[in-house]
Amino acid sequence: MNLANAPMPASTPLRHILLLLCCICLLSVCAGCAASSATVIEEEVVTNPKPMFNYTALVIRDLDLKREMYTDSPEAGMSQRERRYSKLPGELSDHIERYVKSHRTYKTISRDGAADASTLVLTGRFIRLGRFKISVIVSLRDGASGQEVAYFRQTLWDVLDTTDTVSQLGREVADFIDRIQYK
């Protein structure tokens, strides 16, 4: 019997339509998952009139983190999770320091050094800190004048645990510092 000339049952076109509809639904669900992965939104501004490579030292200060962003309880009543959040500024500074050192951009990198005309001072603050989103503003300031010479804003989305994301955030800040060297 020749199968090519055999009559098709009436349900076959309906099966094809249902199969196509299922594939479209599956693709739309997958596309929605891909769009919600850890997305990085950033803003970079360099306002320094002299080239950034003139700075030979970097002083990293801990970013400001307001206690209200991660707890409502007094110091004594903080949970283990809240105590981890309170340590985030120091951990972020450690990661930034480690990644900037790996780039070998500056002769000296410290957390508490003195600032002069050849020093950049990294300061900043956490804007948002939560389970699904972490945002920071990082500012690089001239060591002599204290004037802002560069600005960086970073938002990481779909953060399941903020303490695990600190390393990635430190890498992003270090990459920003490296990118602006010849601006």
N, C-alpha and C. Protein backbone atom coordinates (compact mmCIF):
# COMPACT_ATOMS: atom_id res chain seq x y z
N MET A 1 0.83 -1.15 0.00
CA MET A 1 0.00 0.00 0.00
C MET A 1 0.88 1.23 0.00
N ASN A 2 0.53 2.21 -0.79
CA ASN A 2 1.27 3.45 -0.90
C ASN A 2 0.77 4.40 0.17
N LEU A 3 1.65 4.74 1.15
CA LEU A 3 1.25 5.59 2.26
C LEU A 3 1.11 7.05 1.84
N ALA A 4 1.80 7.45 0.81
CA ALA A 4 1.73 8.84 0.37
C ALA A 4 0.34 9.19 -0.15
N ASN A 5 -0.35 8.22 -0.72
CA ASN A 5 -1.67 8.47 -1.27
C ASN A 5 -2.79 8.07 -0.32
N ALA A 6 -2.43 7.59 0.87
CA ALA A 6 -3.45 7.15 1.82
C ALA A 6 -4.19 8.36 2.36
N PRO A 7 -5.48 8.26 2.58
CA PRO A 7 -6.23 9.39 3.11
C PRO A 7 -5.84 9.65 4.57
N MET A 8 -5.74 10.94 4.92
CA MET A 8 -5.37 11.33 6.27
C MET A 8 -6.62 11.38 7.13
N PRO A 9 -6.51 10.95 8.36
CA PRO A 9 -7.66 11.09 9.25
C PRO A 9 -7.92 12.57 9.50
N ALA A 10 -9.12 12.92 9.83
CA ALA A 10 -9.52 14.30 10.02
C ALA A 10 -8.82 14.94 11.22
N SER A 11 -8.34 14.15 12.17
CA SER A 11 -7.74 14.71 13.37
C SER A 11 -6.28 15.13 13.17
N THR A 12 -5.63 14.76 12.07
CA THR A 12 -4.23 15.09 11.85
C THR A 12 -3.99 16.60 11.74
N PRO A 13 -4.76 17.37 10.98
CA PRO A 13 -4.54 18.82 10.97
C PRO A 13 -4.75 19.43 12.37
N LEU A 14 -5.71 18.88 13.10
CA LEU A 14 -5.94 19.38 14.45
C LEU A 14 -4.74 19.07 15.35
N ARG A 15 -4.12 17.90 15.17
CA ARG A 15 -2.92 17.54 15.93
C ARG A 15 -1.78 18.50 15.62
N HIS A 16 -1.61 18.83 14.35
CA HIS A 16 -0.54 19.75 13.94
C HIS A 16 -0.75 21.14 14.54
N ILE A 17 -2.00 21.58 14.55
CA ILE A 17 -2.30 22.89 15.12
C ILE A 17 -2.04 22.88 16.63
N LEU A 18 -2.47 21.81 17.32
CA LEU A 18 -2.22 21.71 18.76
C LEU A 18 -0.74 21.61 19.07
N LEU A 19 0.00 20.87 18.28
CA LEU A 19 1.44 20.74 18.45
C LEU A 19 2.12 22.10 18.25
N LEU A 20 1.72 22.82 17.24
CA LEU A 20 2.27 24.15 16.98
C LEU A 20 1.94 25.10 18.13
N LEU A 21 0.72 25.04 18.62
CA LEU A 21 0.31 25.88 19.74
C LEU A 21 1.12 25.54 20.99
N CYS A 22 1.34 24.27 21.25
CA CYS A 22 2.15 23.87 22.42
C CYS A 22 3.59 24.36 22.29
N CYS A 23 4.15 24.27 21.09
CA CYS A 23 5.52 24.75 20.86
C CYS A 23 5.62 26.26 21.09
N ILE A 24 4.63 26.99 20.62
CA ILE A 24 4.64 28.44 20.81
C ILE A 24 4.55 28.78 22.29
N CYS A 25 3.69 28.06 23.02
CA CYS A 25 3.57 28.30 24.47
C CYS A 25 4.88 27.98 25.18
N LEU A 26 5.51 26.89 24.81
CA LEU A 26 6.78 26.49 25.42
C LEU A 26 7.86 27.52 25.14
N LEU A 27 7.93 28.01 23.93
CA LEU A 27 8.92 29.04 23.59
C LEU A 27 8.67 30.34 24.34
N SER A 28 7.42 30.72 24.50
CA SER A 28 7.13 31.96 25.23
C SER A 28 7.49 31.82 26.70
N VAL A 29 7.28 30.65 27.29
CA VAL A 29 7.66 30.41 28.68
C VAL A 29 9.17 30.46 28.81
N CYS A 30 9.89 29.84 27.88
CA CYS A 30 11.35 29.86 27.91
C CYS A 30 11.89 31.27 27.71
N ALA A 31 11.28 32.03 26.86
CA ALA A 31 11.71 33.41 26.63
C ALA A 31 11.51 34.25 27.88
N GLY A 32 10.44 34.01 28.60
CA GLY A 32 10.19 34.73 29.84
C GLY A 32 11.22 34.39 30.90
N CYS A 33 11.67 33.15 30.95
CA CYS A 33 12.71 32.77 31.90
C CYS A 33 14.03 33.40 31.54
N ALA A 34 14.36 33.45 30.27
CA ALA A 34 15.62 34.04 29.84
C ALA A 34 15.65 35.53 30.14
N ALA A 35 14.53 36.19 30.01
CA ALA A 35 14.50 37.63 30.25
C ALA A 35 14.63 37.96 31.73
N SER A 36 14.35 37.01 32.61
CA SER A 36 14.40 37.30 34.03
C SER A 36 15.69 36.82 34.69
N SER A 37 16.69 36.45 33.91
CA SER A 37 17.96 36.06 34.50
C SER A 37 18.67 37.30 35.02
N ALA A 38 19.79 37.13 35.71
CA ALA A 38 20.51 38.25 36.33
C ALA A 38 20.90 39.28 35.27
N THR A 39 20.14 40.33 35.19
CA THR A 39 20.36 41.38 34.21
C THR A 39 21.10 42.53 34.87
N VAL A 40 22.06 43.09 34.16
CA VAL A 40 22.85 44.18 34.70
C VAL A 40 22.52 45.46 33.94
N ILE A 41 22.15 46.47 34.68
CA ILE A 41 21.90 47.79 34.09
C ILE A 41 22.94 48.71 34.70
N GLU A 42 23.63 49.45 33.88
CA GLU A 42 24.67 50.30 34.42
C GLU A 42 24.68 51.68 33.78
N GLU A 43 25.28 52.58 34.49
CA GLU A 43 25.47 53.94 34.01
C GLU A 43 26.89 54.33 34.38
N GLU A 44 27.64 54.84 33.43
CA GLU A 44 29.02 55.24 33.67
C GLU A 44 29.22 56.67 33.18
N VAL A 45 29.81 57.50 34.01
CA VAL A 45 30.09 58.87 33.64
C VAL A 45 31.49 59.21 34.13
N VAL A 46 32.31 59.75 33.24
CA VAL A 46 33.64 60.22 33.62
C VAL A 46 33.68 61.72 33.38
N THR A 47 33.94 62.49 34.44
CA THR A 47 33.91 63.95 34.33
C THR A 47 35.28 64.57 34.55
N ASN A 48 36.30 63.76 34.69
CA ASN A 48 37.63 64.27 35.01
C ASN A 48 38.25 64.98 33.81
N PRO A 49 38.77 66.20 33.99
CA PRO A 49 39.39 66.90 32.87
C PRO A 49 40.76 66.33 32.48
N LYS A 50 41.45 65.68 33.41
CA LYS A 50 42.74 65.07 33.07
C LYS A 50 42.56 63.57 32.87
N PRO A 51 43.46 62.93 32.15
CA PRO A 51 43.32 61.49 31.89
C PRO A 51 43.35 60.67 33.19
N MET A 52 42.56 59.62 33.23
CA MET A 52 42.45 58.79 34.42
C MET A 52 43.74 58.02 34.70
N PHE A 53 44.55 57.77 33.69
CA PHE A 53 45.77 56.99 33.92
C PHE A 53 46.82 57.79 34.70
N ASN A 54 46.58 59.07 34.96
CA ASN A 54 47.50 59.86 35.77
C ASN A 54 47.45 59.47 37.25
N TYR A 55 46.39 58.82 37.65
CA TYR A 55 46.28 58.37 39.04
C TYR A 55 47.04 57.06 39.21
N THR A 56 47.90 57.02 40.23
CA THR A 56 48.73 55.82 40.45
C THR A 56 48.33 55.05 41.70
N ALA A 57 47.42 55.59 42.49
CA ALA A 57 47.00 54.92 43.72
C ALA A 57 45.48 54.95 43.83
N LEU A 58 44.96 53.96 44.53
CA LEU A 58 43.52 53.85 44.75
C LEU A 58 43.28 53.55 46.22
N VAL A 59 42.41 54.33 46.84
CA VAL A 59 41.99 54.09 48.21
C VAL A 59 40.51 53.69 48.15
N ILE A 60 40.20 52.52 48.69
CA ILE A 60 38.84 51.99 48.64
C ILE A 60 38.19 52.16 50.02
N ARG A 61 37.13 52.92 50.05
CA ARG A 61 36.35 53.10 51.28
C ARG A 61 35.11 52.21 51.19
N ASP A 62 34.66 51.70 52.33
CA ASP A 62 33.44 50.89 52.34
C ASP A 62 32.25 51.73 51.90
N LEU A 63 31.38 51.14 51.09
CA LEU A 63 30.17 51.82 50.67
C LEU A 63 29.23 51.96 51.86
N ASP A 64 28.48 53.04 51.89
CA ASP A 64 27.52 53.27 52.96
C ASP A 64 26.33 52.34 52.79
N LEU A 65 25.91 51.75 53.88
CA LEU A 65 24.74 50.89 53.89
C LEU A 65 23.89 51.25 55.10
N LYS A 66 22.75 51.84 54.85
CA LYS A 66 21.85 52.21 55.93
C LYS A 66 21.22 50.96 56.52
N ARG A 67 21.22 50.90 57.80
CA ARG A 67 20.69 49.74 58.52
C ARG A 67 19.22 49.48 58.20
N GLU A 68 18.46 50.54 57.91
CA GLU A 68 17.04 50.38 57.61
C GLU A 68 16.80 49.58 56.33
N MET A 69 17.81 49.45 55.51
CA MET A 69 17.63 48.74 54.24
C MET A 69 17.53 47.22 54.43
N TYR A 70 18.03 46.71 55.55
CA TYR A 70 18.02 45.26 55.70
C TYR A 70 17.40 44.77 57.01
N THR A 71 17.04 45.67 57.95
CA THR A 71 16.44 45.21 59.19
C THR A 71 15.58 46.29 59.84
N ASP A 72 14.65 45.84 60.66
CA ASP A 72 13.85 46.74 61.49
C ASP A 72 14.14 46.49 62.97
N SER A 73 14.94 45.48 63.26
CA SER A 73 15.16 45.09 64.65
C SER A 73 16.40 45.78 65.23
N PRO A 74 16.46 45.86 66.56
CA PRO A 74 17.65 46.44 67.19
C PRO A 74 18.87 45.54 66.99
N GLU A 75 20.05 46.08 67.26
CA GLU A 75 21.32 45.36 67.04
C GLU A 75 21.30 43.98 67.70
N ALA A 76 20.81 43.90 68.92
CA ALA A 76 20.82 42.64 69.66
C ALA A 76 19.87 41.61 69.06
N GLY A 77 18.80 42.06 68.40
CA GLY A 77 17.82 41.13 67.89
C GLY A 77 17.99 40.74 66.43
N MET A 78 19.15 41.02 65.85
CA MET A 78 19.36 40.72 64.42
C MET A 78 19.51 39.23 64.19
N SER A 79 18.93 38.76 63.11
CA SER A 79 19.07 37.35 62.74
C SER A 79 20.42 37.14 62.06
N GLN A 80 20.73 35.91 61.81
CA GLN A 80 22.00 35.58 61.14
C GLN A 80 22.05 36.21 59.75
N ARG A 81 20.94 36.19 59.05
CA ARG A 81 20.86 36.80 57.71
C ARG A 81 21.11 38.30 57.78
N GLU A 82 20.53 38.97 58.75
CA GLU A 82 20.72 40.41 58.90
C GLU A 82 22.15 40.75 59.28
N ARG A 83 22.81 39.89 60.08
CA ARG A 83 24.22 40.12 60.41
C ARG A 83 25.09 39.99 59.16
N ARG A 84 24.74 39.06 58.26
CA ARG A 84 25.48 38.94 56.99
C ARG A 84 25.31 40.19 56.15
N TYR A 85 24.09 40.73 56.11
CA TYR A 85 23.85 41.96 55.36
C TYR A 85 24.68 43.12 55.92
N SER A 86 24.83 43.20 57.24
CA SER A 86 25.59 44.29 57.83
C SER A 86 27.07 44.23 57.47
N LYS A 87 27.55 43.05 57.09
CA LYS A 87 28.97 42.89 56.71
C LYS A 87 29.21 43.11 55.22
N LEU A 88 28.16 43.33 54.45
CA LEU A 88 28.30 43.48 52.99
C LEU A 88 29.25 44.60 52.55
N PRO A 89 29.23 45.79 53.13
CA PRO A 89 30.15 46.83 52.66
C PRO A 89 31.62 46.41 52.74
N GLY A 90 32.01 45.79 53.84
CA GLY A 90 33.40 45.33 53.98
C GLY A 90 33.73 44.23 52.99
N GLU A 91 32.80 43.30 52.80
CA GLU A 91 33.03 42.21 51.84
C GLU A 91 33.14 42.75 50.41
N LEU A 92 32.26 43.70 50.07
CA LEU A 92 32.32 44.30 48.74
C LEU A 92 33.65 45.01 48.52
N SER A 93 34.13 45.75 49.52
CA SER A 93 35.41 46.42 49.41
C SER A 93 36.55 45.41 49.23
N ASP A 94 36.48 44.28 49.94
CA ASP A 94 37.49 43.23 49.77
C ASP A 94 37.50 42.70 48.34
N HIS A 95 36.32 42.45 47.79
CA HIS A 95 36.23 41.93 46.42
C HIS A 95 36.73 42.97 45.41
N ILE A 96 36.35 44.21 45.59
CA ILE A 96 36.82 45.27 44.68
C ILE A 96 38.34 45.34 44.73
N GLU A 97 38.89 45.33 45.93
CA GLU A 97 40.34 45.40 46.09
C GLU A 97 41.03 44.23 45.38
N ARG A 98 40.51 43.05 45.58
CA ARG A 98 41.11 41.85 44.96
C ARG A 98 41.06 41.93 43.44
N TYR A 99 39.91 42.32 42.88
CA TYR A 99 39.79 42.38 41.42
C TYR A 99 40.61 43.52 40.82
N VAL A 100 40.66 44.66 41.50
CA VAL A 100 41.48 45.77 40.98
C VAL A 100 42.95 45.40 41.02
N LYS A 101 43.39 44.72 42.06
CA LYS A 101 44.78 44.26 42.13
C LYS A 101 45.10 43.30 41.00
N SER A 102 44.14 42.47 40.62
CA SER A 102 44.40 41.51 39.53
C SER A 102 44.56 42.21 38.19
N HIS A 103 44.00 43.41 38.04
CA HIS A 103 44.16 44.17 36.79
C HIS A 103 45.51 44.88 36.72
N ARG A 104 46.16 45.05 37.86
CA ARG A 104 47.47 45.72 37.96
C ARG A 104 47.44 47.13 37.34
N THR A 105 46.40 47.87 37.63
CA THR A 105 46.24 49.21 37.10
C THR A 105 46.94 50.25 37.97
N TYR A 106 46.95 50.05 39.27
CA TYR A 106 47.50 51.02 40.20
C TYR A 106 48.73 50.46 40.91
N LYS A 107 49.67 51.36 41.24
CA LYS A 107 50.87 50.94 41.98
C LYS A 107 50.52 50.55 43.41
N THR A 108 49.65 51.34 44.03
CA THR A 108 49.23 51.03 45.40
C THR A 108 47.71 51.04 45.50
N ILE A 109 47.21 50.06 46.21
CA ILE A 109 45.77 49.94 46.47
C ILE A 109 45.63 49.66 47.95
N SER A 110 44.82 50.48 48.62
CA SER A 110 44.65 50.28 50.05
C SER A 110 43.21 50.56 50.45
N ARG A 111 42.91 50.19 51.69
CA ARG A 111 41.57 50.43 52.22
C ARG A 111 41.55 51.63 53.15
N ASP A 112 42.70 52.06 53.63
CA ASP A 112 42.72 53.16 54.59
C ASP A 112 43.91 54.10 54.38
N GLY A 113 44.44 54.16 53.20
CA GLY A 113 45.61 55.00 52.93
C GLY A 113 45.28 56.47 52.84
N ALA A 114 46.33 57.27 52.84
CA ALA A 114 46.18 58.72 52.71
C ALA A 114 46.01 59.07 51.23
N ALA A 115 45.25 60.12 50.98
CA ALA A 115 44.97 60.53 49.61
C ALA A 115 45.78 61.77 49.25
N ASP A 116 46.31 61.80 48.02
CA ASP A 116 47.00 62.98 47.50
C ASP A 116 46.57 63.19 46.05
N ALA A 117 47.28 64.04 45.32
CA ALA A 117 46.87 64.40 43.95
C ALA A 117 46.93 63.22 42.98
N SER A 118 47.71 62.19 43.28
CA SER A 118 47.80 61.03 42.38
C SER A 118 46.93 59.87 42.86
N THR A 119 46.01 60.14 43.76
CA THR A 119 45.18 59.09 44.35
C THR A 119 43.71 59.27 43.97
N LEU A 120 43.09 58.18 43.64
CA LEU A 120 41.64 58.12 43.47
C LEU A 120 41.05 57.52 44.74
N VAL A 121 39.94 58.07 45.20
CA VAL A 121 39.27 57.54 46.38
C VAL A 121 37.92 57.00 45.94
N LEU A 122 37.69 55.73 46.18
CA LEU A 122 36.43 55.09 45.82
C LEU A 122 35.49 55.18 47.02
N THR A 123 34.34 55.80 46.80
CA THR A 123 33.29 55.89 47.82
C THR A 123 31.98 55.48 47.16
N GLY A 124 30.94 55.39 47.93
CA GLY A 124 29.64 55.07 47.36
C GLY A 124 28.63 54.68 48.41
N ARG A 125 27.50 54.20 47.91
CA ARG A 125 26.44 53.78 48.83
C ARG A 125 25.55 52.75 48.15
N PHE A 126 24.93 51.96 48.98
CA PHE A 126 23.91 51.02 48.52
C PHE A 126 22.61 51.80 48.39
N ILE A 127 21.94 51.66 47.25
CA ILE A 127 20.66 52.32 47.04
C ILE A 127 19.52 51.38 47.41
N ARG A 128 19.67 50.15 47.00
CA ARG A 128 18.61 49.15 47.24
C ARG A 128 19.29 47.84 47.58
N LEU A 129 18.76 47.16 48.56
CA LEU A 129 19.32 45.90 48.99
C LEU A 129 18.17 44.99 49.35
N GLY A 130 18.04 43.91 48.63
CA GLY A 130 16.93 43.01 48.91
C GLY A 130 17.16 41.66 48.28
N ARG A 131 16.15 40.85 48.37
CA ARG A 131 16.27 39.49 47.86
C ARG A 131 16.32 39.44 46.35
N PHE A 132 15.68 40.38 45.66
CA PHE A 132 15.61 40.29 44.21
C PHE A 132 16.39 41.37 43.48
N LYS A 133 16.91 42.34 44.20
CA LYS A 133 17.57 43.46 43.52
C LYS A 133 18.61 44.08 44.45
N ILE A 134 19.77 44.39 43.90
CA ILE A 134 20.79 45.10 44.65
C ILE A 134 21.32 46.22 43.75
N SER A 135 21.35 47.43 44.27
CA SER A 135 21.79 48.60 43.51
C SER A 135 22.83 49.37 44.31
N VAL A 136 23.86 49.82 43.61
CA VAL A 136 24.89 50.64 44.25
C VAL A 136 25.23 51.83 43.36
N ILE A 137 25.72 52.86 44.00
CA ILE A 137 26.31 54.00 43.30
C ILE A 137 27.74 54.08 43.80
N VAL A 138 28.69 54.07 42.87
CA VAL A 138 30.10 54.16 43.21
C VAL A 138 30.64 55.45 42.61
N SER A 139 31.41 56.16 43.41
CA SER A 139 31.98 57.42 42.97
C SER A 139 33.49 57.36 43.14
N LEU A 140 34.21 57.81 42.14
CA LEU A 140 35.66 57.96 42.24
C LEU A 140 35.96 59.43 42.41
N ARG A 141 36.72 59.77 43.44
CA ARG A 141 37.01 61.16 43.75
C ARG A 141 38.51 61.42 43.70
N ASP A 142 38.86 62.63 43.27
CA ASP A 142 40.25 63.05 43.26
C ASP A 142 40.74 63.13 44.70
N GLY A 143 41.91 62.57 44.97
CA GLY A 143 42.42 62.53 46.33
C GLY A 143 42.76 63.89 46.90
N ALA A 144 43.19 64.82 46.07
CA ALA A 144 43.58 66.16 46.56
C ALA A 144 42.37 67.06 46.77
N SER A 145 41.49 67.12 45.78
CA SER A 145 40.38 68.07 45.84
C SER A 145 39.08 67.47 46.38
N GLY A 146 38.94 66.18 46.35
CA GLY A 146 37.70 65.54 46.78
C GLY A 146 36.59 65.62 45.74
N GLN A 147 36.90 66.18 44.57
CA GLN A 147 35.92 66.34 43.49
C GLN A 147 35.66 64.99 42.80
N GLU A 148 34.39 64.75 42.48
CA GLU A 148 34.03 63.52 41.79
C GLU A 148 34.57 63.56 40.36
N VAL A 149 35.29 62.50 39.97
CA VAL A 149 35.86 62.42 38.62
C VAL A 149 35.22 61.31 37.80
N ALA A 150 34.52 60.39 38.46
CA ALA A 150 33.84 59.32 37.74
C ALA A 150 32.69 58.81 38.62
N TYR A 151 31.66 58.29 37.94
CA TYR A 151 30.44 57.87 38.60
C TYR A 151 30.00 56.56 37.96
N PHE A 152 29.52 55.64 38.77
CA PHE A 152 29.12 54.33 38.28
C PHE A 152 27.89 53.89 39.06
N ARG A 153 26.86 53.48 38.33
CA ARG A 153 25.64 52.98 38.96
C ARG A 153 25.38 51.58 38.44
N GLN A 154 25.14 50.66 39.33
CA GLN A 154 25.00 49.26 38.98
C GLN A 154 23.77 48.68 39.65
N THR A 155 22.97 47.96 38.90
CA THR A 155 21.82 47.26 39.45
C THR A 155 21.86 45.82 38.97
N LEU A 156 21.80 44.90 39.91
CA LEU A 156 21.72 43.49 39.59
C LEU A 156 20.32 43.01 39.95
N TRP A 157 19.67 42.37 39.01
CA TRP A 157 18.30 41.90 39.19
C TRP A 157 18.29 40.40 39.44
N ASP A 158 17.18 39.91 39.95
CA ASP A 158 16.95 38.50 40.24
C ASP A 158 18.03 37.93 41.15
N VAL A 159 18.36 38.68 42.16
CA VAL A 159 19.33 38.25 43.14
C VAL A 159 18.61 37.36 44.15
N LEU A 160 19.01 36.11 44.23
CA LEU A 160 18.35 35.21 45.18
C LEU A 160 18.92 35.39 46.57
N ASP A 161 20.22 35.61 46.67
CA ASP A 161 20.85 35.87 47.95
C ASP A 161 21.89 36.95 47.75
N THR A 162 21.69 38.10 48.34
CA THR A 162 22.55 39.26 48.13
C THR A 162 24.00 38.96 48.52
N THR A 163 24.20 38.18 49.55
CA THR A 163 25.56 37.90 49.99
C THR A 163 26.35 37.13 48.95
N ASP A 164 25.69 36.32 48.13
CA ASP A 164 26.38 35.59 47.07
C ASP A 164 26.70 36.47 45.87
N THR A 165 26.01 37.58 45.73
CA THR A 165 26.17 38.45 44.57
C THR A 165 27.27 39.48 44.77
N VAL A 166 27.79 39.62 45.96
CA VAL A 166 28.79 40.63 46.26
C VAL A 166 30.04 40.45 45.41
N SER A 167 30.45 39.23 45.19
CA SER A 167 31.64 38.98 44.37
C SER A 167 31.43 39.47 42.94
N GLN A 168 30.29 39.18 42.37
CA GLN A 168 29.98 39.64 41.01
C GLN A 168 29.94 41.17 40.95
N LEU A 169 29.38 41.79 41.96
CA LEU A 169 29.31 43.24 42.02
C LEU A 169 30.70 43.85 42.15
N GLY A 170 31.56 43.24 42.96
CA GLY A 170 32.95 43.70 43.08
C GLY A 170 33.68 43.62 41.75
N ARG A 171 33.43 42.57 41.00
CA ARG A 171 34.05 42.42 39.68
C ARG A 171 33.56 43.50 38.72
N GLU A 172 32.27 43.82 38.77
CA GLU A 172 31.72 44.86 37.90
C GLU A 172 32.34 46.22 38.20
N VAL A 173 32.51 46.54 39.48
CA VAL A 173 33.12 47.82 39.86
C VAL A 173 34.57 47.86 39.41
N ALA A 174 35.31 46.76 39.61
CA ALA A 174 36.71 46.71 39.18
C ALA A 174 36.82 46.84 37.66
N ASP A 175 35.92 46.22 36.93
CA ASP A 175 35.93 46.34 35.47
C ASP A 175 35.65 47.77 35.03
N PHE A 176 34.75 48.46 35.74
CA PHE A 176 34.48 49.87 35.45
C PHE A 176 35.76 50.70 35.64
N ILE A 177 36.44 50.48 36.75
CA ILE A 177 37.68 51.22 37.02
C ILE A 177 38.70 50.95 35.93
N ASP A 178 38.77 49.73 35.47
CA ASP A 178 39.71 49.38 34.40
C ASP A 178 39.30 50.01 33.07
N ARG A 179 38.01 50.02 32.76
CA ARG A 179 37.52 50.57 31.49
C ARG A 179 37.77 52.06 31.34
N ILE A 180 37.72 52.78 32.43
CA ILE A 180 37.83 54.24 32.32
C ILE A 180 39.27 54.74 32.33
N GLN A 181 40.24 53.87 32.38
CA GLN A 181 41.63 54.30 32.48
C GLN A 181 42.08 55.18 31.33
N TYR A 182 41.56 55.00 30.16
CA TYR A 182 42.00 55.79 29.01
C TYR A 182 40.93 56.71 28.49
N LYS A 183 40.06 57.17 29.38
CA LYS A 183 39.02 58.14 29.02
C LYS A 183 39.45 59.51 29.47
